[in-house]
Amino acid sequence: MLADALAAIDCEVEDVVERHSHAIVIGRVLDVAVSARTAALAYWQGRYVAIDQDEDAVKLAEVSVPASRTVRKFLP
């Protein structure tokens, strides 16, 4: 599990479907734990960062998209 994850799902394997070099694992959910924290976890520039506010998500998008593209703001 990831430290400080917003949620954790405990499952038992029901079935494994193998196709070529991949496998799809189908599981039955046994337990769900949800954190009281509201920050999302993102992997950016080789590390995990917390996104605590909507403004953080917009800033992250602005610095992640090449300059030739525009970033549309979807937040109210």
PDB file of N, CA and C in Angstrom:
ATOM      1  N   MET A   1       0.821  -1.187   0.000  1.00  0.00           N
ATOM      2  CA  MET A   1       0.000   0.000   0.000  1.00  0.00           C
ATOM      3  C   MET A   1       0.866   1.252   0.000  1.00  0.00           C
ATOM      4  N   LEU A   2       0.344   2.312  -0.546  1.00  0.00           N
ATOM      5  CA  LEU A   2       1.030   3.592  -0.532  1.00  0.00           C
ATOM      6  C   LEU A   2       0.744   4.317   0.776  1.00  0.00           C
ATOM      7  N   ALA A   3       1.774   4.868   1.366  1.00  0.00           N
ATOM      8  CA  ALA A   3       1.578   5.655   2.588  1.00  0.00           C
ATOM      9  C   ALA A   3       0.732   6.877   2.264  1.00  0.00           C
ATOM     10  N   ASP A   4      -0.160   7.235   3.155  1.00  0.00           N
ATOM     11  CA  ASP A   4      -1.031   8.399   3.010  1.00  0.00           C
ATOM     12  C   ASP A   4      -1.990   8.305   1.823  1.00  0.00           C
ATOM     13  N   ALA A   5      -2.340   7.095   1.404  1.00  0.00           N
ATOM     14  CA  ALA A   5      -3.298   6.925   0.310  1.00  0.00           C
ATOM     15  C   ALA A   5      -4.679   7.397   0.764  1.00  0.00           C
ATOM     16  N   LEU A   6      -5.475   7.909  -0.169  1.00  0.00           N
ATOM     17  CA  LEU A   6      -6.825   8.360   0.169  1.00  0.00           C
ATOM     18  C   LEU A   6      -7.763   7.189   0.413  1.00  0.00           C
ATOM     19  N   ALA A   7      -7.477   6.049  -0.203  1.00  0.00           N
ATOM     20  CA  ALA A   7      -8.319   4.875  -0.026  1.00  0.00           C
ATOM     21  C   ALA A   7      -7.489   3.614  -0.222  1.00  0.00           C
ATOM     22  N   ALA A   8      -7.933   2.545   0.409  1.00  0.00           N
ATOM     23  CA  ALA A   8      -7.310   1.238   0.239  1.00  0.00           C
ATOM     24  C   ALA A   8      -8.426   0.212   0.083  1.00  0.00           C
ATOM     25  N   ILE A   9      -8.270  -0.690  -0.864  1.00  0.00           N
ATOM     26  CA  ILE A   9      -9.279  -1.712  -1.117  1.00  0.00           C
ATOM     27  C   ILE A   9      -8.629  -3.072  -0.934  1.00  0.00           C
ATOM     28  N   ASP A  10      -9.176  -3.876  -0.020  1.00  0.00           N
ATOM     29  CA  ASP A  10      -8.682  -5.225   0.225  1.00  0.00           C
ATOM     30  C   ASP A  10      -9.554  -6.183  -0.578  1.00  0.00           C
ATOM     31  N   CYS A  11      -8.917  -6.996  -1.417  1.00  0.00           N
ATOM     32  CA  CYS A  11      -9.662  -7.902  -2.289  1.00  0.00           C
ATOM     33  C   CYS A  11      -9.084  -9.308  -2.211  1.00  0.00           C
ATOM     34  N   GLU A  12      -9.923 -10.278  -2.584  1.00  0.00           N
ATOM     35  CA  GLU A  12      -9.416 -11.633  -2.787  1.00  0.00           C
ATOM     36  C   GLU A  12      -9.573 -11.946  -4.271  1.00  0.00           C
ATOM     37  N   VAL A  13      -8.626 -12.670  -4.821  1.00  0.00           N
ATOM     38  CA  VAL A  13      -8.621 -12.968  -6.251  1.00  0.00           C
ATOM     39  C   VAL A  13      -9.737 -13.959  -6.566  1.00  0.00           C
ATOM     40  N   GLU A  14     -10.586 -13.584  -7.516  1.00  0.00           N
ATOM     41  CA  GLU A  14     -11.662 -14.455  -7.994  1.00  0.00           C
ATOM     42  C   GLU A  14     -11.237 -15.202  -9.248  1.00  0.00           C
ATOM     43  N   ASP A  15     -10.518 -14.486 -10.128  1.00  0.00           N
ATOM     44  CA  ASP A  15     -10.132 -15.080 -11.400  1.00  0.00           C
ATOM     45  C   ASP A  15      -8.956 -14.304 -11.972  1.00  0.00           C
ATOM     46  N   VAL A  16      -8.162 -14.974 -12.784  1.00  0.00           N
ATOM     47  CA  VAL A  16      -7.063 -14.336 -13.508  1.00  0.00           C
ATOM     48  C   VAL A  16      -7.222 -14.711 -14.969  1.00  0.00           C
ATOM     49  N   VAL A  17      -7.348 -13.705 -15.826  1.00  0.00           N
ATOM     50  CA  VAL A  17      -7.491 -13.916 -17.265  1.00  0.00           C
ATOM     51  C   VAL A  17      -6.178 -13.523 -17.918  1.00  0.00           C
ATOM     52  N   GLU A  18      -5.503 -14.493 -18.529  1.00  0.00           N
ATOM     53  CA  GLU A  18      -4.203 -14.217 -19.150  1.00  0.00           C
ATOM     54  C   GLU A  18      -4.359 -14.071 -20.654  1.00  0.00           C
ATOM     55  N   ARG A  19      -3.742 -13.010 -21.172  1.00  0.00           N
ATOM     56  CA  ARG A  19      -3.718 -12.750 -22.609  1.00  0.00           C
ATOM     57  C   ARG A  19      -2.313 -12.307 -22.977  1.00  0.00           C
ATOM     58  N   HIS A  20      -1.635 -13.128 -23.743  1.00  0.00           N
ATOM     59  CA  HIS A  20      -0.273 -12.848 -24.182  1.00  0.00           C
ATOM     60  C   HIS A  20       0.619 -12.561 -22.978  1.00  0.00           C
ATOM     61  N   SER A  21       1.176 -11.381 -22.882  1.00  0.00           N
ATOM     62  CA  SER A  21       2.087 -11.063 -21.771  1.00  0.00           C
ATOM     63  C   SER A  21       1.390 -10.318 -20.635  1.00  0.00           C
ATOM     64  N   HIS A  22       0.063 -10.231 -20.674  1.00  0.00           N
ATOM     65  CA  HIS A  22      -0.686  -9.489 -19.663  1.00  0.00           C
ATOM     66  C   HIS A  22      -1.671 -10.407 -18.931  1.00  0.00           C
ATOM     67  N   ALA A  23      -2.085  -9.958 -17.768  1.00  0.00           N
ATOM     68  CA  ALA A  23      -3.105 -10.678 -17.019  1.00  0.00           C
ATOM     69  C   ALA A  23      -4.078  -9.668 -16.424  1.00  0.00           C
ATOM     70  N   ILE A  24      -5.354 -10.017 -16.462  1.00  0.00           N
ATOM     71  CA  ILE A  24      -6.393  -9.215 -15.826  1.00  0.00           C
ATOM     72  C   ILE A  24      -6.799  -9.964 -14.567  1.00  0.00           C
ATOM     73  N   VAL A  25      -6.669  -9.299 -13.426  1.00  0.00           N
ATOM     74  CA  VAL A  25      -7.017  -9.920 -12.158  1.00  0.00           C
ATOM     75  C   VAL A  25      -8.389  -9.408 -11.735  1.00  0.00           C
ATOM     76  N   ILE A  26      -9.317 -10.334 -11.530  1.00  0.00           N
ATOM     77  CA  ILE A  26     -10.664  -9.989 -11.104  1.00  0.00           C
ATOM     78  C   ILE A  26     -10.776 -10.360  -9.631  1.00  0.00           C
ATOM     79  N   GLY A  27     -11.165  -9.384  -8.810  1.00  0.00           N
ATOM     80  CA  GLY A  27     -11.201  -9.633  -7.374  1.00  0.00           C
ATOM     81  C   GLY A  27     -12.531  -9.306  -6.738  1.00  0.00           C
ATOM     82  N   ARG A  28     -12.776  -9.918  -5.600  1.00  0.00           N
ATOM     83  CA  ARG A  28     -13.960  -9.627  -4.780  1.00  0.00           C
ATOM     84  C   ARG A  28     -13.514  -8.695  -3.665  1.00  0.00           C
ATOM     85  N   VAL A  29     -14.202  -7.574  -3.538  1.00  0.00           N
ATOM     86  CA  VAL A  29     -13.847  -6.588  -2.515  1.00  0.00           C
ATOM     87  C   VAL A  29     -14.244  -7.118  -1.141  1.00  0.00           C
ATOM     88  N   LEU A  30     -13.271  -7.141  -0.227  1.00  0.00           N
ATOM     89  CA  LEU A  30     -13.509  -7.589   1.143  1.00  0.00           C
ATOM     90  C   LEU A  30     -13.658  -6.431   2.108  1.00  0.00           C
ATOM     91  N   ASP A  31     -12.906  -5.359   1.873  1.00  0.00           N
ATOM     92  CA  ASP A  31     -12.923  -4.221   2.782  1.00  0.00           C
ATOM     93  C   ASP A  31     -12.452  -2.975   2.045  1.00  0.00           C
ATOM     94  N   VAL A  32     -12.997  -1.830   2.423  1.00  0.00           N
ATOM     95  CA  VAL A  32     -12.589  -0.541   1.870  1.00  0.00           C
ATOM     96  C   VAL A  32     -12.293   0.389   3.035  1.00  0.00           C
ATOM     97  N   ALA A  33     -11.122   1.000   3.005  1.00  0.00           N
ATOM     98  CA  ALA A  33     -10.755   1.989   4.025  1.00  0.00           C
ATOM     99  C   ALA A  33     -10.551   3.321   3.318  1.00  0.00           C
ATOM    100  N   VAL A  34     -11.176   4.378   3.840  1.00  0.00           N
ATOM    101  CA  VAL A  34     -11.090   5.699   3.234  1.00  0.00           C
ATOM    102  C   VAL A  34     -10.506   6.668   4.250  1.00  0.00           C
ATOM    103  N   SER A  35      -9.539   7.453   3.801  1.00  0.00           N
ATOM    104  CA  SER A  35      -8.888   8.438   4.655  1.00  0.00           C
ATOM    105  C   SER A  35      -9.756   9.683   4.800  1.00  0.00           C
ATOM    106  N   ALA A  36      -9.560  10.393   5.895  1.00  0.00           N
ATOM    107  CA  ALA A  36     -10.261  11.664   6.086  1.00  0.00           C
ATOM    108  C   ALA A  36      -9.617  12.788   5.281  1.00  0.00           C
ATOM    109  N   ARG A  37      -8.403  12.556   4.792  1.00  0.00           N
ATOM    110  CA  ARG A  37      -7.710  13.572   3.985  1.00  0.00           C
ATOM    111  C   ARG A  37      -8.425  13.772   2.662  1.00  0.00           C
ATOM    112  N   THR A  38      -8.266  14.945   2.080  1.00  0.00           N
ATOM    113  CA  THR A  38      -8.914  15.237   0.800  1.00  0.00           C
ATOM    114  C   THR A  38      -7.925  15.454  -0.333  1.00  0.00           C
ATOM    115  N   ALA A  39      -6.641  15.472  -0.049  1.00  0.00           N
ATOM    116  CA  ALA A  39      -5.645  15.723  -1.089  1.00  0.00           C
ATOM    117  C   ALA A  39      -5.512  14.496  -1.999  1.00  0.00           C
ATOM    118  N   ALA A  40      -5.392  14.750  -3.281  1.00  0.00           N
ATOM    119  CA  ALA A  40      -5.150  13.679  -4.249  1.00  0.00           C
ATOM    120  C   ALA A  40      -3.651  13.453  -4.376  1.00  0.00           C
ATOM    121  N   LEU A  41      -3.272  12.265  -4.777  1.00  0.00           N
ATOM    122  CA  LEU A  41      -1.865  11.925  -4.963  1.00  0.00           C
ATOM    123  C   LEU A  41      -1.588  11.848  -6.455  1.00  0.00           C
ATOM    124  N   ALA A  42      -0.544  12.522  -6.905  1.00  0.00           N
ATOM    125  CA  ALA A  42      -0.162  12.502  -8.317  1.00  0.00           C
ATOM    126  C   ALA A  42       1.318  12.165  -8.423  1.00  0.00           C
ATOM    127  N   TYR A  43       1.680  11.506  -9.519  1.00  0.00           N
ATOM    128  CA  TYR A  43       3.090  11.213  -9.792  1.00  0.00           C
ATOM    129  C   TYR A  43       3.550  12.227 -10.830  1.00  0.00           C
ATOM    130  N   TRP A  44       4.495  13.100 -10.455  1.00  0.00           N
ATOM    131  CA  TRP A  44       4.916  14.203 -11.322  1.00  0.00           C
ATOM    132  C   TRP A  44       6.415  14.399 -11.203  1.00  0.00           C
ATOM    133  N   GLN A  45       7.084  14.434 -12.335  1.00  0.00           N
ATOM    134  CA  GLN A  45       8.532  14.643 -12.421  1.00  0.00           C
ATOM    135  C   GLN A  45       9.301  13.680 -11.519  1.00  0.00           C
ATOM    136  N   GLY A  46       8.906  12.411 -11.539  1.00  0.00           N
ATOM    137  CA  GLY A  46       9.641  11.378 -10.834  1.00  0.00           C
ATOM    138  C   GLY A  46       9.357  11.252  -9.358  1.00  0.00           C
ATOM    139  N   ARG A  47       8.314  11.924  -8.862  1.00  0.00           N
ATOM    140  CA  ARG A  47       7.989  11.785  -7.437  1.00  0.00           C
ATOM    141  C   ARG A  47       6.493  11.961  -7.229  1.00  0.00           C
ATOM    142  N   TYR A  48       6.032  11.511  -6.073  1.00  0.00           N
ATOM    143  CA  TYR A  48       4.625  11.663  -5.714  1.00  0.00           C
ATOM    144  C   TYR A  48       4.415  13.013  -5.038  1.00  0.00           C
ATOM    145  N   VAL A  49       3.360  13.714  -5.432  1.00  0.00           N
ATOM    146  CA  VAL A  49       3.033  15.008  -4.834  1.00  0.00           C
ATOM    147  C   VAL A  49       1.552  15.024  -4.473  1.00  0.00           C
ATOM    148  N   ALA A  50       1.223  15.742  -3.399  1.00  0.00           N
ATOM    149  CA  ALA A  50      -0.172  15.891  -2.984  1.00  0.00           C
ATOM    150  C   ALA A  50      -0.767  17.109  -3.667  1.00  0.00           C
ATOM    151  N   ILE A  51      -1.973  16.951  -4.160  1.00  0.00           N
ATOM    152  CA  ILE A  51      -2.711  18.063  -4.758  1.00  0.00           C
ATOM    153  C   ILE A  51      -3.848  18.366  -3.802  1.00  0.00           C
ATOM    154  N   ASP A  52      -3.686  19.438  -3.018  1.00  0.00           N
ATOM    155  CA  ASP A  52      -4.636  19.748  -1.960  1.00  0.00           C
ATOM    156  C   ASP A  52      -5.788  20.643  -2.400  1.00  0.00           C
ATOM    157  N   GLN A  53      -5.595  21.465  -3.381  1.00  0.00           N
ATOM    158  CA  GLN A  53      -6.608  22.439  -3.792  1.00  0.00           C
ATOM    159  C   GLN A  53      -6.809  22.350  -5.298  1.00  0.00           C
ATOM    160  N   ASP A  54      -7.969  22.824  -5.765  1.00  0.00           N
ATOM    161  CA  ASP A  54      -8.234  22.849  -7.200  1.00  0.00           C
ATOM    162  C   ASP A  54      -7.175  23.672  -7.930  1.00  0.00           C
ATOM    163  N   GLU A  55      -6.707  24.755  -7.275  1.00  0.00           N
ATOM    164  CA  GLU A  55      -5.694  25.605  -7.898  1.00  0.00           C
ATOM    165  C   GLU A  55      -4.391  24.842  -8.124  1.00  0.00           C
ATOM    166  N   ASP A  56      -4.061  23.903  -7.217  1.00  0.00           N
ATOM    167  CA  ASP A  56      -2.861  23.087  -7.383  1.00  0.00           C
ATOM    168  C   ASP A  56      -2.953  22.246  -8.654  1.00  0.00           C
ATOM    169  N   ALA A  57      -4.131  21.703  -8.938  1.00  0.00           N
ATOM    170  CA  ALA A  57      -4.322  20.884 -10.125  1.00  0.00           C
ATOM    171  C   ALA A  57      -4.131  21.716 -11.389  1.00  0.00           C
ATOM    172  N   VAL A  58      -4.647  22.939 -11.390  1.00  0.00           N
ATOM    173  CA  VAL A  58      -4.492  23.818 -12.552  1.00  0.00           C
ATOM    174  C   VAL A  58      -3.019  24.174 -12.750  1.00  0.00           C
ATOM    175  N   LYS A  59      -2.312  24.529 -11.674  1.00  0.00           N
ATOM    176  CA  LYS A  59      -0.891  24.864 -11.770  1.00  0.00           C
ATOM    177  C   LYS A  59      -0.079  23.680 -12.281  1.00  0.00           C
ATOM    178  N   LEU A  60      -0.380  22.489 -11.790  1.00  0.00           N
ATOM    179  CA  LEU A  60       0.326  21.290 -12.234  1.00  0.00           C
ATOM    180  C   LEU A  60       0.097  21.054 -13.717  1.00  0.00           C
ATOM    181  N   ALA A  61      -1.133  21.254 -14.186  1.00  0.00           N
ATOM    182  CA  ALA A  61      -1.430  21.089 -15.609  1.00  0.00           C
ATOM    183  C   ALA A  61      -0.695  22.118 -16.444  1.00  0.00           C
ATOM    184  N   GLU A  62      -0.626  23.358 -15.967  1.00  0.00           N
ATOM    185  CA  GLU A  62       0.026  24.423 -16.726  1.00  0.00           C
ATOM    186  C   GLU A  62       1.514  24.158 -16.931  1.00  0.00           C
ATOM    187  N   VAL A  63       2.187  23.603 -15.941  1.00  0.00           N
ATOM    188  CA  VAL A  63       3.626  23.364 -16.083  1.00  0.00           C
ATOM    189  C   VAL A  63       3.923  22.022 -16.727  1.00  0.00           C
ATOM    190  N   SER A  64       2.908  21.168 -16.900  1.00  0.00           N
ATOM    191  CA  SER A  64       3.115  19.842 -17.463  1.00  0.00           C
ATOM    192  C   SER A  64       2.826  19.769 -18.951  1.00  0.00           C
ATOM    193  N   VAL A  65       2.024  20.696 -19.461  1.00  0.00           N
ATOM    194  CA  VAL A  65       1.637  20.682 -20.864  1.00  0.00           C
ATOM    195  C   VAL A  65       2.645  21.493 -21.667  1.00  0.00           C
ATOM    196  N   PRO A  66       3.090  20.964 -22.832  1.00  0.00           N
ATOM    197  CA  PRO A  66       4.030  21.730 -23.666  1.00  0.00           C
ATOM    198  C   PRO A  66       3.492  23.115 -23.991  1.00  0.00           C
ATOM    199  N   ALA A  67       4.370  24.092 -24.151  1.00  0.00           N
ATOM    200  CA  ALA A  67       3.989  25.491 -24.364  1.00  0.00           C
ATOM    201  C   ALA A  67       3.113  25.688 -25.600  1.00  0.00           C
ATOM    202  N   SER A  68       3.214  24.807 -26.583  1.00  0.00           N
ATOM    203  CA  SER A  68       2.442  24.971 -27.813  1.00  0.00           C
ATOM    204  C   SER A  68       0.965  24.645 -27.615  1.00  0.00           C
ATOM    205  N   ARG A  69       0.619  24.050 -26.493  1.00  0.00           N
ATOM    206  CA  ARG A  69      -0.777  23.713 -26.223  1.00  0.00           C
ATOM    207  C   ARG A  69      -1.339  24.662 -25.178  1.00  0.00           C
ATOM    208  N   THR A  70      -2.649  24.822 -25.215  1.00  0.00           N
ATOM    209  CA  THR A  70      -3.294  25.660 -24.209  1.00  0.00           C
ATOM    210  C   THR A  70      -3.935  24.783 -23.160  1.00  0.00           C
ATOM    211  N   VAL A  71      -4.024  25.282 -21.951  1.00  0.00           N
ATOM    212  CA  VAL A  71      -4.658  24.564 -20.860  1.00  0.00           C
ATOM    213  C   VAL A  71      -6.022  25.166 -20.643  1.00  0.00           C
ATOM    214  N   ARG A  72      -7.050  24.339 -20.763  1.00  0.00           N
ATOM    215  CA  ARG A  72      -8.413  24.803 -20.514  1.00  0.00           C
ATOM    216  C   ARG A  72      -8.713  24.610 -19.039  1.00  0.00           C
ATOM    217  N   LYS A  73      -9.310  25.595 -18.455  1.00  0.00           N
ATOM    218  CA  LYS A  73      -9.666  25.532 -17.045  1.00  0.00           C
ATOM    219  C   LYS A  73     -11.082  24.969 -16.923  1.00  0.00           C
ATOM    220  N   PHE A  74     -11.214  23.807 -16.268  1.00  0.00           N
ATOM    221  CA  PHE A  74     -12.493  23.160 -16.102  1.00  0.00           C
ATOM    222  C   PHE A  74     -13.121  23.474 -14.757  1.00  0.00           C
ATOM    223  N   LEU A  75     -12.436  24.231 -13.928  1.00  0.00           N
ATOM    224  CA  LEU A  75     -12.923  24.520 -12.589  1.00  0.00           C
ATOM    225  C   LEU A  75     -13.839  25.743 -12.623  1.00  0.00           C
ATOM    226  N   PRO A  76     -14.852  25.781 -11.726  1.00  0.00           N
ATOM    227  CA  PRO A  76     -15.782  26.924 -11.735  1.00  0.00           C
ATOM    228  C   PRO A  76     -15.100  28.216 -11.313  1.00  0.00           C
TER     229      PRO A  76
END
